[in-house]
Amino acid sequence: MGELMTETQQSPSPAVEGPGPDRGPVLVRQHGPPETQEATAVLERARTSVDPELRRAVESLPAPLRRVALYHFGWEHADGTPAAGNAGKAIRPALVLAATAALGGHRATAVRAAAAVELVHNFTLLHDDVMDRDTTRRHRPTAWAVFGDADAVLTGDALQALAHRLLAGDPHPAASAAAVRLADCVVELCAGQQADTAMERRDPGDITLDEVLAMAEAKTGALLGCACAIGALYAGADDADVEALDAFGREAGLAFQFIDDVIGIWGDPRSTGKPAGADLVARKKSLPVVAALASGTPAAAELAELYRVPYRDGELERTADAVERAGGRDWAQIQAADRMAAALDHLARAVSDPEAAEGLLSLAEFVTRRSG
């Protein structure tokens, strides 16, 4: 993998800029539009391959659950009429397929596994929206806001079951190991979400950076790592390469979460589909917020006082400013770049051909360059 790392080391220094009205998106390496175009092509290819498998799985659900799932994926309106929406960016299934290809496997053999990972991802979205009381996703009302808590939760449960059924029925020799890995990942995801919700009930000053980093790895890094590891399994990779791909995905996932948390405070609603500052309004203990609270600055004390009471109208700008003055935004942006560097190191251990690694690289850069 030396060639790939040499290329990376010769690139210009990372430009770490946070999304917002006065700053561009985060760049892990200074590349121009061709890399964005490459990622877009990888994502579109994954969506084209995986969507038919997803639709078949969703169509097998009983009618009441199917209706909620079709709405959640953007394929139908709430009244059941066809919609022109899509099922999201397809980052996780794209990672499965790109990892399979990077290690010499055939993408077509891993389509079921990629669909299973995407079903698990959407199970978590349905449940998270209920627990977080988020009312908007993908620029329209969330499933629970339309159909109620019970139907959204039960549909999420059904999507997870569909994911495991896909792997159980997959004749590929790696399917069994992939099923175990995905089940373990779901347990980790649930533990991460439990930690996240528990933190919301704790005093702002009692939460450490180590705690919130562990929570972020479980909630976000785990599934991206699992996606990459499953792709490696379907390529017939050895244990060392499977673990290296898992570590690559986890580090890229943490970089993703750092940027996602920055976007949650300073993102443009036109890109995110969510109200500006929604995380601050909900008093979320996101990575930039916890870093700011731990800074020991006057701004940290001001932020802690704001966070100890429910949000009041007119305080959004002051709260975001306190996070920034306490260093939370800059810290998160630097951490995103550092995590991507670590991800590249792990990838270098598993993939010796830089051309073969390009799909994984483009996806990793895409998620850390995003502004919404």
Protein backbone atom coordinates (compact mmCIF):
# COMPACT_ATOMS: atom_id res chain seq x y z
CA MET A 1 0.00 0.00 0.00
CA GLY A 2 3.06 2.23 -0.05
CA GLU A 3 2.10 3.87 -3.36
CA LEU A 4 -1.24 5.06 -2.05
CA MET A 5 0.25 6.53 1.10
CA THR A 6 3.05 8.23 -0.86
CA GLU A 7 0.43 9.87 -3.03
CA THR A 8 -1.46 11.02 0.05
CA GLN A 9 1.66 12.35 1.76
CA GLN A 10 2.58 14.38 -1.30
CA SER A 11 -0.82 16.02 -1.40
CA PRO A 12 -1.24 19.51 0.03
CA SER A 13 -1.91 19.79 3.75
CA PRO A 14 -5.52 19.10 4.74
CA ALA A 15 -7.78 22.11 4.48
CA VAL A 16 -9.94 21.82 7.56
CA GLU A 17 -12.89 24.10 7.13
CA GLY A 18 -16.26 23.71 8.77
CA PRO A 19 -19.52 24.05 6.87
CA GLY A 20 -21.36 27.28 7.46
CA PRO A 21 -22.11 30.59 5.85
CA ASP A 22 -18.50 31.80 5.95
CA ARG A 23 -16.63 28.54 5.55
CA GLY A 24 -16.42 25.82 2.96
CA PRO A 25 -16.93 22.12 3.64
CA VAL A 26 -14.31 19.99 5.32
CA LEU A 27 -11.60 18.69 3.01
CA VAL A 28 -9.50 15.76 4.07
CA ARG A 29 -7.27 16.06 1.03
CA GLN A 30 -7.25 19.03 -1.32
CA HIS A 31 -8.74 17.54 -4.44
CA GLY A 32 -11.03 19.09 -6.95
CA PRO A 33 -14.32 18.06 -8.51
CA PRO A 34 -13.08 14.80 -10.11
CA GLU A 35 -12.97 13.10 -6.70
CA THR A 36 -16.49 14.28 -5.89
CA GLN A 37 -17.60 12.98 -9.26
CA GLU A 38 -15.93 9.65 -8.55
CA ALA A 39 -17.76 9.32 -5.23
CA THR A 40 -21.04 10.27 -6.86
CA ALA A 41 -20.51 7.59 -9.51
CA VAL A 42 -19.69 4.98 -6.84
CA LEU A 43 -22.82 5.91 -4.88
CA GLU A 44 -25.05 5.89 -7.96
CA ARG A 45 -23.71 2.48 -9.00
CA ALA A 46 -24.41 1.14 -5.53
CA ARG A 47 -27.91 2.58 -5.47
CA THR A 48 -28.66 1.07 -8.89
CA SER A 49 -27.47 -2.35 -7.73
CA VAL A 50 -28.99 -2.35 -4.26
CA ASP A 51 -32.35 -0.59 -4.71
CA PRO A 52 -34.05 -3.54 -6.47
CA GLU A 53 -33.01 -5.84 -3.61
CA LEU A 54 -34.23 -3.31 -1.05
CA ARG A 55 -37.56 -2.90 -2.82
CA ARG A 56 -38.10 -6.67 -2.99
CA ALA A 57 -37.43 -6.95 0.71
CA VAL A 58 -39.72 -4.03 1.61
CA GLU A 59 -42.49 -5.27 -0.68
CA SER A 60 -42.54 -8.55 1.28
CA LEU A 61 -43.71 -6.76 4.45
CA PRO A 62 -47.34 -6.83 5.60
CA ALA A 63 -49.27 -3.90 4.16
CA PRO A 64 -49.31 -1.55 7.21
CA LEU A 65 -45.55 -1.92 7.75
CA ARG A 66 -44.85 -1.79 4.02
CA ARG A 67 -46.65 1.54 3.77
CA VAL A 68 -44.44 3.11 6.44
CA ALA A 69 -41.26 1.64 4.95
CA LEU A 70 -42.07 2.83 1.43
CA TYR A 71 -42.69 6.31 2.80
CA HIS A 72 -39.48 6.26 4.86
CA PHE A 73 -37.39 5.22 1.85
CA GLY A 74 -38.93 8.02 -0.21
CA TRP A 75 -40.67 5.74 -2.68
CA GLU A 76 -44.22 6.73 -1.71
CA HIS A 77 -46.03 9.71 -0.26
CA ALA A 78 -47.93 9.34 3.00
CA ASP A 79 -51.13 8.67 1.07
CA GLY A 80 -49.53 5.74 -0.76
CA THR A 81 -49.09 7.44 -4.12
CA PRO A 82 -45.69 7.03 -5.85
CA ALA A 83 -42.98 9.53 -4.93
CA ALA A 84 -39.82 10.48 -6.79
CA GLY A 85 -37.64 10.53 -3.66
CA ASN A 86 -34.70 8.26 -2.97
CA ALA A 87 -33.56 6.09 -0.10
CA GLY A 88 -30.65 8.30 0.91
CA LYS A 89 -27.06 8.57 -0.24
CA ALA A 90 -26.33 4.80 -0.11
CA ILE A 91 -22.96 5.35 1.61
CA ARG A 92 -23.04 2.09 3.59
CA PRO A 93 -24.02 -0.27 0.78
CA ALA A 94 -21.50 1.51 -1.44
CA LEU A 95 -18.81 0.75 1.14
CA VAL A 96 -19.76 -2.95 1.10
CA LEU A 97 -19.45 -3.13 -2.67
CA ALA A 98 -16.32 -0.97 -2.86
CA ALA A 99 -14.58 -3.07 -0.18
CA THR A 100 -15.46 -6.26 -2.04
CA ALA A 101 -14.00 -4.86 -5.25
CA ALA A 102 -10.91 -3.42 -3.53
CA LEU A 103 -9.94 -6.87 -2.27
CA GLY A 104 -10.49 -8.61 -5.59
CA GLY A 105 -14.08 -9.79 -5.23
CA HIS A 106 -17.05 -9.25 -7.53
CA ARG A 107 -19.53 -6.53 -6.53
CA ALA A 108 -22.51 -8.50 -7.82
CA THR A 109 -21.91 -11.26 -5.27
CA ALA A 110 -22.24 -8.80 -2.36
CA VAL A 111 -25.45 -7.02 -3.37
CA ARG A 112 -27.62 -8.89 -0.87
CA ALA A 113 -25.16 -8.14 1.90
CA ALA A 114 -25.06 -4.47 0.90
CA ALA A 115 -28.87 -4.34 1.01
CA ALA A 116 -28.83 -5.97 4.45
CA VAL A 117 -26.48 -3.28 5.77
CA GLU A 118 -28.71 -0.56 4.33
CA LEU A 119 -31.79 -2.11 5.93
CA VAL A 120 -30.06 -2.08 9.32
CA HIS A 121 -29.07 1.55 8.79
CA ASN A 122 -32.67 2.49 8.10
CA PHE A 123 -33.88 0.52 11.11
CA THR A 124 -31.64 2.77 13.22
CA LEU A 125 -32.93 5.92 11.50
CA LEU A 126 -36.55 5.05 12.19
CA HIS A 127 -35.82 4.35 15.86
CA ASP A 128 -33.49 7.33 16.33
CA ASP A 129 -36.07 9.73 14.94
CA VAL A 130 -38.62 8.50 17.46
CA MET A 131 -36.21 8.71 20.41
CA ASP A 132 -34.79 12.09 19.37
CA ARG A 133 -38.24 13.44 18.39
CA ASP A 134 -36.78 14.61 15.09
CA THR A 135 -39.62 15.76 12.84
CA THR A 136 -37.74 16.11 9.54
CA ARG A 137 -35.62 13.72 7.49
CA ARG A 138 -34.68 13.98 3.83
CA HIS A 139 -36.62 17.24 3.53
CA ARG A 140 -39.97 15.88 4.68
CA PRO A 141 -41.70 14.75 7.90
CA THR A 142 -40.21 11.70 9.62
CA ALA A 143 -42.14 8.44 9.64
CA TRP A 144 -43.20 8.69 13.28
CA ALA A 145 -44.47 12.25 12.71
CA VAL A 146 -46.74 10.91 9.95
CA PHE A 147 -47.71 7.42 11.15
CA GLY A 148 -47.07 7.57 14.90
CA ASP A 149 -44.43 6.15 17.21
CA ALA A 150 -45.66 2.56 17.26
CA ASP A 151 -45.77 2.10 13.49
CA ALA A 152 -42.35 3.71 13.03
CA VAL A 153 -40.74 1.53 15.73
CA LEU A 154 -42.36 -1.66 14.46
CA THR A 155 -41.34 -0.89 10.87
CA GLY A 156 -37.78 -0.38 12.07
CA ASP A 157 -37.92 -3.76 13.81
CA ALA A 158 -39.19 -5.34 10.59
CA LEU A 159 -36.37 -3.81 8.53
CA GLN A 160 -33.80 -5.33 10.88
CA ALA A 161 -35.49 -8.71 10.50
CA LEU A 162 -35.43 -8.34 6.73
CA ALA A 163 -31.70 -7.64 6.85
CA HIS A 164 -30.98 -10.86 8.70
CA ARG A 165 -33.33 -12.80 6.44
CA LEU A 166 -31.41 -11.58 3.39
CA LEU A 167 -28.16 -12.91 4.79
CA ALA A 168 -29.75 -16.14 6.02
CA GLY A 169 -30.96 -16.85 2.48
CA ASP A 170 -27.74 -15.82 0.73
CA PRO A 171 -25.85 -18.83 -0.71
CA HIS A 172 -22.52 -16.98 -0.66
CA PRO A 173 -20.00 -18.79 1.61
CA ALA A 174 -19.35 -15.57 3.56
CA ALA A 175 -23.01 -14.97 4.38
CA SER A 176 -22.93 -16.75 7.75
CA ALA A 177 -19.90 -14.80 8.99
CA ALA A 178 -21.47 -11.60 7.68
CA ALA A 179 -24.71 -12.34 9.56
CA VAL A 180 -22.81 -12.78 12.82
CA ARG A 181 -20.87 -9.58 12.22
CA LEU A 182 -24.02 -7.62 11.42
CA ALA A 183 -25.81 -8.95 14.51
CA ASP A 184 -22.86 -7.95 16.70
CA CYS A 185 -22.93 -4.54 15.07
CA VAL A 186 -26.63 -4.08 15.88
CA VAL A 187 -25.89 -4.79 19.54
CA GLU A 188 -23.10 -2.19 19.44
CA LEU A 189 -25.40 0.31 17.73
CA CYS A 190 -28.03 -0.18 20.42
CA ALA A 191 -25.42 0.27 23.16
CA GLY A 192 -24.26 3.49 21.51
CA GLN A 193 -27.78 4.82 21.24
CA GLN A 194 -28.48 3.92 24.86
CA ALA A 195 -25.35 5.81 25.92
CA ASP A 196 -26.42 8.77 23.82
CA THR A 197 -29.90 8.96 25.33
CA ALA A 198 -28.50 8.48 28.85
CA MET A 199 -26.14 11.41 28.30
CA GLU A 200 -29.07 13.67 27.52
CA ARG A 201 -30.26 13.23 31.12
CA ARG A 202 -26.88 14.03 32.68
CA ASP A 203 -25.48 17.39 33.72
CA PRO A 204 -23.43 18.97 30.90
CA GLY A 205 -20.36 19.21 33.10
CA ASP A 206 -20.33 15.49 33.96
CA ILE A 207 -19.72 14.11 30.46
CA THR A 208 -16.17 13.40 29.31
CA LEU A 209 -14.72 13.46 25.82
CA ASP A 210 -13.76 9.78 26.14
CA GLU A 211 -17.39 8.89 26.80
CA VAL A 212 -18.76 10.81 23.86
CA LEU A 213 -16.07 9.46 21.52
CA ALA A 214 -16.89 5.88 22.55
CA MET A 215 -20.57 6.61 22.00
CA ALA A 216 -19.89 8.08 18.55
CA GLU A 217 -17.83 5.08 17.50
CA ALA A 218 -20.63 2.74 18.55
CA LYS A 219 -23.40 4.79 16.93
CA THR A 220 -21.70 5.71 13.66
CA GLY A 221 -18.29 4.11 13.27
CA ALA A 222 -19.50 0.60 14.01
CA LEU A 223 -21.84 0.31 11.01
CA LEU A 224 -19.40 1.86 8.54
CA GLY A 225 -16.72 -0.49 9.82
CA CYS A 226 -19.13 -3.42 9.58
CA ALA A 227 -20.01 -2.48 6.00
CA CYS A 228 -16.35 -2.49 4.98
CA ALA A 229 -15.63 -5.72 6.88
CA ILE A 230 -18.58 -7.50 5.26
CA GLY A 231 -17.35 -6.39 1.85
CA ALA A 232 -13.96 -7.86 2.70
CA LEU A 233 -15.58 -11.13 3.81
CA TYR A 234 -17.40 -11.38 0.49
CA ALA A 235 -14.08 -10.93 -1.30
CA GLY A 236 -12.66 -13.91 0.61
CA ALA A 237 -10.16 -11.76 2.52
CA ASP A 238 -8.17 -13.12 5.46
CA ASP A 239 -8.85 -12.08 9.04
CA ALA A 240 -6.17 -9.39 9.12
CA ASP A 241 -7.57 -7.64 6.05
CA VAL A 242 -11.14 -7.92 7.33
CA GLU A 243 -10.11 -6.25 10.59
CA ALA A 244 -8.12 -3.57 8.77
CA LEU A 245 -11.17 -2.73 6.64
CA ASP A 246 -13.32 -2.63 9.77
CA ALA A 247 -10.86 -0.20 11.37
CA PHE A 248 -10.80 1.90 8.19
CA GLY A 249 -14.58 2.17 8.24
CA ARG A 250 -14.71 2.97 11.94
CA GLU A 251 -12.20 5.82 11.63
CA ALA A 252 -13.95 7.17 8.54
CA GLY A 253 -17.22 6.87 10.45
CA LEU A 254 -15.86 8.93 13.31
CA ALA A 255 -14.69 11.57 10.83
CA PHE A 256 -18.21 11.49 9.40
CA GLN A 257 -19.69 11.98 12.86
CA PHE A 258 -17.45 14.94 13.62
CA ILE A 259 -18.60 16.63 10.45
CA ASP A 260 -22.22 15.60 11.00
CA ASP A 261 -22.14 17.19 14.45
CA VAL A 262 -20.67 20.39 13.02
CA ILE A 263 -23.43 20.38 10.42
CA GLY A 264 -25.99 19.77 13.19
CA ILE A 265 -25.06 23.17 14.62
CA TRP A 266 -23.99 25.28 11.66
CA GLY A 267 -25.39 23.43 8.64
CA ASP A 268 -27.55 24.99 5.96
CA PRO A 269 -31.16 23.67 6.20
CA ARG A 270 -31.36 23.75 2.40
CA SER A 271 -28.71 21.02 2.33
CA THR A 272 -29.45 19.16 5.55
CA GLY A 273 -33.24 19.04 5.34
CA LYS A 274 -33.33 19.87 9.07
CA PRO A 275 -33.75 23.18 10.91
CA ALA A 276 -30.52 25.09 11.61
CA GLY A 277 -29.12 24.41 15.06
CA ALA A 278 -31.53 21.55 15.75
CA ASP A 279 -28.93 19.75 17.88
CA LEU A 280 -28.51 22.80 20.11
CA VAL A 281 -32.26 23.27 20.47
CA ALA A 282 -32.53 19.61 21.53
CA ARG A 283 -29.59 20.12 23.93
CA LYS A 284 -27.67 17.25 22.34
CA LYS A 285 -24.27 16.45 23.84
CA SER A 286 -22.64 16.30 20.43
CA LEU A 287 -18.87 16.11 19.93
CA PRO A 288 -18.27 19.86 19.42
CA VAL A 289 -20.50 20.67 22.40
CA VAL A 290 -18.73 18.27 24.78
CA ALA A 291 -15.33 19.49 23.60
CA ALA A 292 -16.45 23.05 24.23
CA LEU A 293 -17.79 22.17 27.67
CA ALA A 294 -14.48 20.51 28.55
CA SER A 295 -12.35 23.49 27.46
CA GLY A 296 -12.33 25.24 30.83
CA THR A 297 -12.95 28.60 29.15
CA PRO A 298 -15.45 31.31 30.14
CA ALA A 299 -17.41 30.34 27.03
CA ALA A 300 -17.59 26.76 28.36
CA ALA A 301 -19.16 28.00 31.59
CA GLU A 302 -21.65 30.08 29.61
CA LEU A 303 -22.51 27.07 27.44
CA ALA A 304 -23.00 24.85 30.50
CA GLU A 305 -25.47 27.30 31.97
CA LEU A 306 -27.40 27.45 28.70
CA TYR A 307 -27.48 23.65 28.49
CA ARG A 308 -28.78 23.20 32.04
CA VAL A 309 -32.19 24.61 31.10
CA PRO A 310 -34.50 23.90 28.16
CA TYR A 311 -33.92 25.93 25.01
CA ARG A 312 -35.55 29.35 24.96
CA ASP A 313 -36.48 31.18 21.75
CA GLY A 314 -33.81 33.58 20.60
CA GLU A 315 -30.86 31.76 22.19
CA LEU A 316 -29.72 29.75 19.17
CA GLU A 317 -27.11 32.19 17.91
CA ARG A 318 -25.73 32.77 21.41
CA THR A 319 -25.46 29.02 22.05
CA ALA A 320 -23.71 28.30 18.74
CA ASP A 321 -21.36 31.21 19.37
CA ALA A 322 -20.47 29.84 22.82
CA VAL A 323 -19.58 26.45 21.31
CA GLU A 324 -17.36 28.15 18.75
CA ARG A 325 -15.68 30.51 21.21
CA ALA A 326 -14.93 27.55 23.50
CA GLY A 327 -13.14 25.80 20.62
CA GLY A 328 -15.67 23.06 19.90
CA ARG A 329 -15.96 23.74 16.20
CA ASP A 330 -12.22 23.94 15.52
CA TRP A 331 -11.54 20.83 17.60
CA ALA A 332 -14.15 18.80 15.72
CA GLN A 333 -12.77 19.88 12.35
CA ILE A 334 -9.20 18.96 13.29
CA GLN A 335 -10.35 15.63 14.70
CA ALA A 336 -12.16 14.85 11.44
CA ALA A 337 -8.93 15.27 9.49
CA ASP A 338 -6.95 13.22 12.03
CA ARG A 339 -9.48 10.38 11.90
CA MET A 340 -9.32 10.32 8.13
CA ALA A 341 -5.53 10.06 8.27
CA ALA A 342 -5.92 7.09 10.62
CA ALA A 343 -8.46 5.55 8.24
CA LEU A 344 -5.99 5.78 5.37
CA ASP A 345 -3.33 4.04 7.46
CA HIS A 346 -5.67 1.11 8.09
CA LEU A 347 -6.65 0.92 4.43
CA ALA A 348 -2.98 0.85 3.44
CA ARG A 349 -2.51 -2.36 5.41
CA ALA A 350 -5.20 -4.20 3.46
CA VAL A 351 -5.13 -2.87 -0.10
CA SER A 352 -1.81 -2.77 -1.96
CA ASP A 353 -3.13 -1.34 -5.23
CA PRO A 354 -4.03 2.38 -5.07
CA GLU A 355 -6.30 2.03 -8.07
CA ALA A 356 -8.24 -0.75 -6.33
CA ALA A 357 -8.60 1.43 -3.23
CA GLU A 358 -9.94 4.43 -5.10
CA GLY A 359 -13.62 3.62 -4.54
CA LEU A 360 -13.15 3.37 -0.78
CA LEU A 361 -11.02 6.52 -0.73
CA SER A 362 -13.54 8.52 -2.71
CA LEU A 363 -16.36 7.47 -0.37
CA ALA A 364 -14.35 8.29 2.74
CA GLU A 365 -13.49 11.71 1.39
CA PHE A 366 -17.05 12.29 0.29
CA VAL A 367 -18.47 11.85 3.78
CA THR A 368 -15.91 14.22 5.29
CA ARG A 369 -16.33 16.82 2.55
CA ARG A 370 -20.09 16.93 2.92
CA SER A 371 -21.92 20.07 3.99
CA GLY A 372 -25.34 18.48 4.47
